[in-house]
Protein backbone atom coordinates (compact mmCIF):
# COMPACT_ATOMS: atom_id res chain seq x y z
CA MET A 1 22.49 -8.70 -10.15
CA SER A 2 21.80 -10.83 -6.67
CA PHE A 3 24.81 -11.52 -4.20
CA TYR A 4 25.41 -12.17 -0.47
CA ASP A 5 27.27 -8.88 1.28
CA VAL A 6 30.01 -9.78 4.44
CA THR A 7 27.03 -10.81 6.68
CA ASP A 8 25.85 -13.39 4.39
CA LYS A 9 22.69 -11.25 3.76
CA TYR A 10 20.67 -11.59 0.49
CA THR A 11 20.77 -8.26 -1.72
CA GLU A 12 19.84 -7.53 -5.48
CA VAL A 13 20.80 -4.77 -7.33
CA LEU A 14 17.68 -4.23 -9.89
CA LYS A 15 18.17 -3.35 -13.55
CA PRO A 16 18.82 0.57 -13.78
CA ILE A 17 15.94 2.69 -13.99
CA VAL A 18 15.98 5.32 -16.13
CA THR A 19 13.49 8.70 -15.58
CA SER A 20 13.59 12.31 -16.64
CA LYS A 21 16.06 13.07 -13.63
CA GLY A 22 18.45 10.59 -14.40
CA VAL A 23 19.17 6.86 -14.20
CA HIS A 24 18.38 5.13 -10.72
CA LEU A 25 19.91 1.82 -9.09
CA ILE A 26 17.51 0.21 -6.10
CA LEU A 27 19.38 -1.89 -3.99
CA VAL A 28 16.94 -4.60 -2.57
CA GLU A 29 18.00 -5.89 0.93
CA GLU A 30 14.85 -7.72 2.28
CA ILE A 31 11.74 -8.75 1.10
CA LEU A 32 8.91 -8.86 3.74
CA GLN A 33 5.86 -10.82 2.90
CA PRO A 34 2.78 -9.47 3.89
CA GLU A 35 0.78 -11.04 6.41
CA LEU A 36 -3.40 -10.23 6.60
CA ASN A 37 -4.11 -11.20 10.26
CA ASP A 38 -7.45 -10.36 11.99
CA GLN A 39 -6.51 -7.36 13.66
CA LEU A 40 -5.37 -5.78 9.94
CA ARG A 41 -8.37 -7.22 8.31
CA PHE A 42 -10.74 -5.68 10.40
CA GLN A 43 -8.83 -2.13 9.90
CA ILE A 44 -9.07 -2.52 6.03
CA GLY A 45 -12.61 -3.50 5.95
CA SER A 46 -13.79 -0.57 8.66
CA GLU A 47 -11.90 1.66 6.62
CA LEU A 48 -13.35 1.17 3.44
CA PHE A 49 -16.72 0.80 4.73
CA GLY A 50 -16.49 4.24 6.62
CA GLU A 51 -15.49 5.61 3.04
CA TRP A 52 -18.47 3.96 1.14
CA VAL A 53 -20.51 5.27 3.97
CA ASN A 54 -19.48 8.81 3.40
CA ASN A 55 -19.93 8.54 -0.56
CA GLN A 56 -23.59 7.23 0.16
CA GLY A 57 -24.08 10.43 2.03
CA ASP A 58 -22.54 12.72 -0.70
CA LEU A 59 -25.31 10.63 -3.06
CA ALA A 60 -28.37 10.74 -1.14
CA GLU A 61 -30.40 13.38 -0.67
CA PHE A 62 -32.68 13.75 2.93
CA ILE A 63 -35.94 15.45 2.79
CA ILE A 64 -37.39 16.31 6.18
CA SER A 65 -41.04 17.04 6.64
CA LEU A 66 -42.08 19.07 9.75
CA THR A 67 -45.84 18.58 8.95
């Protein structure tokens, strides 16, 4: 069900969600569109690369010969 409140703000009530803890109603007041700017793209890429590097270290075996 969709409607506008007294401030002309769009809101929507989603259909009831039934869980083991009861019935839940969700009121959506605002939907934000995602934005992927250069800063966020760099942050995500850096985090993923860092995780990849850490995983590679876990998989690698280092042998150091002192002869």
